PDB file of all heavy atoms in Angstrom:
ATOM      1  N   GLU A   1     134.305 105.298  89.707  1.00  0.00           N
ATOM      2  CA  GLU A   1     133.861 104.470  90.920  1.00  0.00           C
ATOM      3  C   GLU A   1     132.858 105.223  91.711  1.00  0.00           C
ATOM      4  O   GLU A   1     131.963 104.657  92.277  1.00  0.00           O
ATOM      5  CB  GLU A   1     135.198 104.279  91.824  1.00  0.00           C
ATOM      6  CG  GLU A   1     136.235 103.433  91.121  1.00  0.00           C
ATOM      7  CD  GLU A   1     135.689 101.984  91.036  1.00  0.00           C
ATOM      8  OE1 GLU A   1     134.984 101.489  91.920  1.00  0.00           O
ATOM      9  OE2 GLU A   1     136.038 101.405  89.942  1.00  0.00           O
ATOM     10  N   LEU A   2     132.861 106.599  91.779  1.00  0.00           N
ATOM     11  CA  LEU A   2     131.974 107.392  92.483  1.00  0.00           C
ATOM     12  C   LEU A   2     130.544 107.273  91.910  1.00  0.00           C
ATOM     13  O   LEU A   2     129.651 107.155  92.565  1.00  0.00           O
ATOM     14  CB  LEU A   2     132.349 108.881  92.509  1.00  0.00           C
ATOM     15  CG  LEU A   2     131.598 109.811  93.401  1.00  0.00           C
ATOM     16  CD1 LEU A   2     131.592 109.281  94.784  1.00  0.00           C
ATOM     17  CD2 LEU A   2     132.006 111.244  93.203  1.00  0.00           C
ATOM     18  N   ILE A   3     130.561 107.177  90.553  1.00  0.00           N
ATOM     19  CA  ILE A   3     129.269 106.989  89.920  1.00  0.00           C
ATOM     20  C   ILE A   3     128.687 105.579  90.287  1.00  0.00           C
ATOM     21  O   ILE A   3     127.505 105.381  90.673  1.00  0.00           O
ATOM     22  CB  ILE A   3     129.380 106.999  88.386  1.00  0.00           C
ATOM     23  CG1 ILE A   3     129.697 108.493  88.035  1.00  0.00           C
ATOM     24  CG2 ILE A   3     128.146 106.552  87.679  1.00  0.00           C
ATOM     25  CD1 ILE A   3     130.004 108.698  86.574  1.00  0.00           C
ATOM     26  N   SER A   4     129.568 104.544  90.318  1.00  0.00           N
ATOM     27  CA  SER A   4     129.031 103.200  90.691  1.00  0.00           C
ATOM     28  C   SER A   4     128.660 103.081  92.124  1.00  0.00           C
ATOM     29  O   SER A   4     127.674 102.463  92.454  1.00  0.00           O
ATOM     30  CB  SER A   4     130.246 102.257  90.355  1.00  0.00           C
ATOM     31  OG  SER A   4     129.821 100.945  90.624  1.00  0.00           O
ATOM     32  N   ILE A   5     129.362 103.767  92.932  1.00  0.00           N
ATOM     33  CA  ILE A   5     128.887 103.852  94.401  1.00  0.00           C
ATOM     34  C   ILE A   5     127.578 104.471  94.554  1.00  0.00           C
ATOM     35  O   ILE A   5     126.718 103.916  95.330  1.00  0.00           O
ATOM     36  CB  ILE A   5     129.991 104.626  95.270  1.00  0.00           C
ATOM     37  CG1 ILE A   5     131.240 103.762  95.367  1.00  0.00           C
ATOM     38  CG2 ILE A   5     129.391 104.914  96.657  1.00  0.00           C
ATOM     39  CD1 ILE A   5     132.518 104.535  95.847  1.00  0.00           C
ATOM     40  N   THR A   6     127.382 105.504  93.799  1.00  0.00           N
ATOM     41  CA  THR A   6     126.144 106.339  93.886  1.00  0.00           C
ATOM     42  C   THR A   6     124.886 105.360  93.332  1.00  0.00           C
ATOM     43  O   THR A   6     123.877 105.328  93.870  1.00  0.00           O
ATOM     44  CB  THR A   6     126.069 107.622  93.003  1.00  0.00           C
ATOM     45  OG1 THR A   6     127.251 108.313  93.480  1.00  0.00           O
ATOM     46  CG2 THR A   6     124.872 108.330  93.107  1.00  0.00           C
ATOM     47  N   GLU A   7     125.232 104.580  92.134  1.00  0.00           N
ATOM     48  CA  GLU A   7     124.252 103.627  91.661  1.00  0.00           C
ATOM     49  C   GLU A   7     123.827 102.652  92.814  1.00  0.00           C
ATOM     50  O   GLU A   7     122.730 102.296  92.904  1.00  0.00           O
ATOM     51  CB  GLU A   7     124.755 102.943  90.485  1.00  0.00           C
ATOM     52  CG  GLU A   7     124.931 103.789  89.285  1.00  0.00           C
ATOM     53  CD  GLU A   7     125.514 103.192  88.066  1.00  0.00           C
ATOM     54  OE1 GLU A   7     126.290 102.135  88.261  1.00  0.00           O
ATOM     55  OE2 GLU A   7     125.354 103.741  86.966  1.00  0.00           O
ATOM     56  N   ASN A   8     124.926 102.060  93.326  1.00  0.00           N
ATOM     57  CA  ASN A   8     124.713 101.035  94.519  1.00  0.00           C
ATOM     58  C   ASN A   8     123.861 101.690  95.530  1.00  0.00           C
ATOM     59  O   ASN A   8     122.980 100.966  96.032  1.00  0.00           O
ATOM     60  CB  ASN A   8     126.013 100.532  94.984  1.00  0.00           C
ATOM     61  CG  ASN A   8     126.826  99.644  93.984  1.00  0.00           C
ATOM     62  OD1 ASN A   8     126.153  99.182  93.004  1.00  0.00           O
ATOM     63  ND2 ASN A   8     128.041  99.471  94.240  1.00  0.00           N
ATOM     64  N   ALA A   9     124.062 102.776  95.921  1.00  0.00           N
ATOM     65  CA  ALA A   9     123.279 103.553  96.967  1.00  0.00           C
ATOM     66  C   ALA A   9     121.838 103.510  96.515  1.00  0.00           C
ATOM     67  O   ALA A   9     120.850 103.252  97.429  1.00  0.00           O
ATOM     68  CB  ALA A   9     123.841 104.907  97.387  1.00  0.00           C
ATOM     69  N   GLY A  10     121.582 103.916  95.306  1.00  0.00           N
ATOM     70  CA  GLY A  10     120.267 104.009  94.709  1.00  0.00           C
ATOM     71  C   GLY A  10     119.496 102.544  94.740  1.00  0.00           C
ATOM     72  O   GLY A  10     118.383 102.355  95.126  1.00  0.00           O
ATOM     73  N   LEU A  11     120.348 101.506  94.441  1.00  0.00           N
ATOM     74  CA  LEU A  11     119.812 100.090  94.385  1.00  0.00           C
ATOM     75  C   LEU A  11     119.430  99.701  95.774  1.00  0.00           C
ATOM     76  O   LEU A  11     118.727  98.840  96.026  1.00  0.00           O
ATOM     77  CB  LEU A  11     120.798  99.251  93.707  1.00  0.00           C
ATOM     78  CG  LEU A  11     120.941  99.413  92.284  1.00  0.00           C
ATOM     79  CD1 LEU A  11     122.123  98.541  91.674  1.00  0.00           C
ATOM     80  CD2 LEU A  11     119.634  99.058  91.559  1.00  0.00           C
ATOM     81  N   MET A  12     120.087 100.261  96.833  1.00  0.00           N
ATOM     82  CA  MET A  12     119.747  99.986  98.231  1.00  0.00           C
ATOM     83  C   MET A  12     118.479 100.679  98.791  1.00  0.00           C
ATOM     84  O   MET A  12     118.072 100.514  99.859  1.00  0.00           O
ATOM     85  CB  MET A  12     121.095 100.465  99.051  1.00  0.00           C
ATOM     86  CG  MET A  12     122.214  99.509  98.939  1.00  0.00           C
ATOM     87  SD  MET A  12     123.465 100.071 100.047  1.00  0.00           S
ATOM     88  CE  MET A  12     124.899  99.221  99.503  1.00  0.00           C
ATOM     89  N   GLY A  13     117.974 101.685  97.816  1.00  0.00           N
ATOM     90  CA  GLY A  13     116.880 102.387  98.258  1.00  0.00           C
ATOM     91  C   GLY A  13     117.110 103.736  98.980  1.00  0.00           C
ATOM     92  O   GLY A  13     116.251 104.410  99.388  1.00  0.00           O
ATOM     93  N   ILE A  14     118.352 104.078  98.838  1.00  0.00           N
ATOM     94  CA  ILE A  14     118.638 105.440  99.389  1.00  0.00           C
ATOM     95  C   ILE A  14     118.153 106.460  98.392  1.00  0.00           C
ATOM     96  O   ILE A  14     118.606 106.405  97.212  1.00  0.00           O
ATOM     97  CB  ILE A  14     120.106 105.498  99.597  1.00  0.00           C
ATOM     98  CG1 ILE A  14     120.667 104.638 100.745  1.00  0.00           C
ATOM     99  CG2 ILE A  14     120.536 107.004 100.051  1.00  0.00           C
ATOM    100  CD1 ILE A  14     122.064 104.527 100.792  1.00  0.00           C
ATOM    101  N   PRO A  15     117.398 107.476  98.843  1.00  0.00           N
ATOM    102  CA  PRO A  15     116.806 108.415  97.831  1.00  0.00           C
ATOM    103  C   PRO A  15     118.008 109.300  97.371  1.00  0.00           C
ATOM    104  O   PRO A  15     118.675 109.881  98.119  1.00  0.00           O
ATOM    105  CB  PRO A  15     115.765 109.243  98.713  1.00  0.00           C
ATOM    106  CG  PRO A  15     116.095 108.965 100.151  1.00  0.00           C
ATOM    107  CD  PRO A  15     116.788 107.598 100.118  1.00  0.00           C
ATOM    108  N   LEU A  16     118.083 109.444  96.057  1.00  0.00           N
ATOM    109  CA  LEU A  16     119.101 110.266  95.440  1.00  0.00           C
ATOM    110  C   LEU A  16     118.452 111.502  94.795  1.00  0.00           C
ATOM    111  O   LEU A  16     117.327 111.365  94.284  1.00  0.00           O
ATOM    112  CB  LEU A  16     119.790 109.469  94.381  1.00  0.00           C
ATOM    113  CG  LEU A  16     120.570 108.257  94.780  1.00  0.00           C
ATOM    114  CD1 LEU A  16     121.139 107.404  93.555  1.00  0.00           C
ATOM    115  CD2 LEU A  16     121.639 108.518  95.732  1.00  0.00           C
ATOM    116  N   PRO A  17     119.152 112.699  94.760  1.00  0.00           N
ATOM    117  CA  PRO A  17     118.583 113.782  94.161  1.00  0.00           C
ATOM    118  C   PRO A  17     118.458 113.520  92.708  1.00  0.00           C
ATOM    119  O   PRO A  17     119.091 112.775  91.969  1.00  0.00           O
ATOM    120  CB  PRO A  17     119.623 114.817  94.469  1.00  0.00           C
ATOM    121  CG  PRO A  17     120.417 114.360  95.499  1.00  0.00           C
ATOM    122  CD  PRO A  17     120.417 112.863  95.501  1.00  0.00           C
ATOM    123  N   GLY A  18     117.320 114.124  92.145  1.00  0.00           N
ATOM    124  CA  GLY A  18     117.020 113.971  90.610  1.00  0.00           C
ATOM    125  C   GLY A  18     118.129 114.348  89.841  1.00  0.00           C
ATOM    126  O   GLY A  18     118.357 113.638  88.743  1.00  0.00           O
ATOM    127  N   VAL A  19     118.787 115.318  90.215  1.00  0.00           N
ATOM    128  CA  VAL A  19     119.854 115.924  89.288  1.00  0.00           C
ATOM    129  C   VAL A  19     121.040 114.829  89.278  1.00  0.00           C
ATOM    130  O   VAL A  19     121.555 114.546  88.206  1.00  0.00           O
ATOM    131  CB  VAL A  19     120.472 117.193  89.892  1.00  0.00           C
ATOM    132  CG1 VAL A  19     121.852 117.671  89.163  1.00  0.00           C
ATOM    133  CG2 VAL A  19     119.351 118.277  89.846  1.00  0.00           C
ATOM    134  N   LEU A  20     121.271 114.257  90.361  1.00  0.00           N
ATOM    135  CA  LEU A  20     122.344 113.198  90.331  1.00  0.00           C
ATOM    136  C   LEU A  20     121.889 111.987  89.516  1.00  0.00           C
ATOM    137  O   LEU A  20     122.642 111.334  88.716  1.00  0.00           O
ATOM    138  CB  LEU A  20     122.553 112.760  91.721  1.00  0.00           C
ATOM    139  CG  LEU A  20     123.720 111.909  92.004  1.00  0.00           C
ATOM    140  CD1 LEU A  20     125.036 112.686  91.532  1.00  0.00           C
ATOM    141  CD2 LEU A  20     123.932 111.801  93.684  1.00  0.00           C
ATOM    142  N   THR A  21     120.697 111.509  89.581  1.00  0.00           N
ATOM    143  CA  THR A  21     120.113 110.418  88.952  1.00  0.00           C
ATOM    144  C   THR A  21     120.200 110.710  87.425  1.00  0.00           C
ATOM    145  O   THR A  21     120.560 109.842  86.677  1.00  0.00           O
ATOM    146  CB  THR A  21     118.719 110.168  89.276  1.00  0.00           C
ATOM    147  OG1 THR A  21     118.649 109.956  90.681  1.00  0.00           O
ATOM    148  CG2 THR A  21     118.136 108.921  88.673  1.00  0.00           C
ATOM    149  N   LYS A  22     119.787 111.965  86.986  1.00  0.00           N
ATOM    150  CA  LYS A  22     119.830 112.245  85.573  1.00  0.00           C
ATOM    151  C   LYS A  22     121.215 112.344  85.091  1.00  0.00           C
ATOM    152  O   LYS A  22     121.575 111.915  83.862  1.00  0.00           O
ATOM    153  CB  LYS A  22     119.135 113.664  85.360  1.00  0.00           C
ATOM    154  CG  LYS A  22     117.661 113.670  85.480  1.00  0.00           C
ATOM    155  CD  LYS A  22     117.009 114.849  85.217  1.00  0.00           C
ATOM    156  CE  LYS A  22     115.466 114.880  85.517  1.00  0.00           C
ATOM    157  NZ  LYS A  22     114.851 116.164  85.510  1.00  0.00           N
ATOM    158  N   ALA A  23     122.194 112.777  85.910  1.00  0.00           N
ATOM    159  CA  ALA A  23     123.555 112.897  85.431  1.00  0.00           C
ATOM    160  C   ALA A  23     124.135 111.513  85.127  1.00  0.00           C
ATOM    161  O   ALA A  23     124.830 111.336  84.142  1.00  0.00           O
ATOM    162  CB  ALA A  23     124.399 113.617  86.430  1.00  0.00           C
ATOM    163  N   ILE A  24     123.801 110.658  86.037  1.00  0.00           N
ATOM    164  CA  ILE A  24     124.250 109.192  85.967  1.00  0.00           C
ATOM    165  C   ILE A  24     123.691 108.622  84.692  1.00  0.00           C
ATOM    166  O   ILE A  24     124.475 107.940  83.928  1.00  0.00           O
ATOM    167  CB  ILE A  24     123.901 108.397  87.138  1.00  0.00           C
ATOM    168  CG1 ILE A  24     124.819 108.883  88.354  1.00  0.00           C
ATOM    169  CG2 ILE A  24     124.145 106.892  86.825  1.00  0.00           C
ATOM    170  CD1 ILE A  24     124.481 108.237  89.657  1.00  0.00           C
ATOM    171  N   ASP A  25     122.363 108.868  84.403  1.00  0.00           N
ATOM    172  CA  ASP A  25     121.651 108.245  83.232  1.00  0.00           C
ATOM    173  C   ASP A  25     122.424 108.827  81.928  1.00  0.00           C
ATOM    174  O   ASP A  25     122.602 108.059  81.004  1.00  0.00           O
ATOM    175  CB  ASP A  25     120.164 108.620  83.199  1.00  0.00           C
ATOM    176  CG  ASP A  25     119.472 107.720  84.190  1.00  0.00           C
ATOM    177  OD1 ASP A  25     119.981 106.717  84.600  1.00  0.00           O
ATOM    178  OD2 ASP A  25     118.369 108.286  84.535  1.00  0.00           O
TER     179      ASP A  25
END
């Protein structure tokens, strides 16, 4: 759920740290 919440934040345009984006990928 935390990963999905983070993805939703990214889709809203909230800048995410690169490390977090890579970990989700």
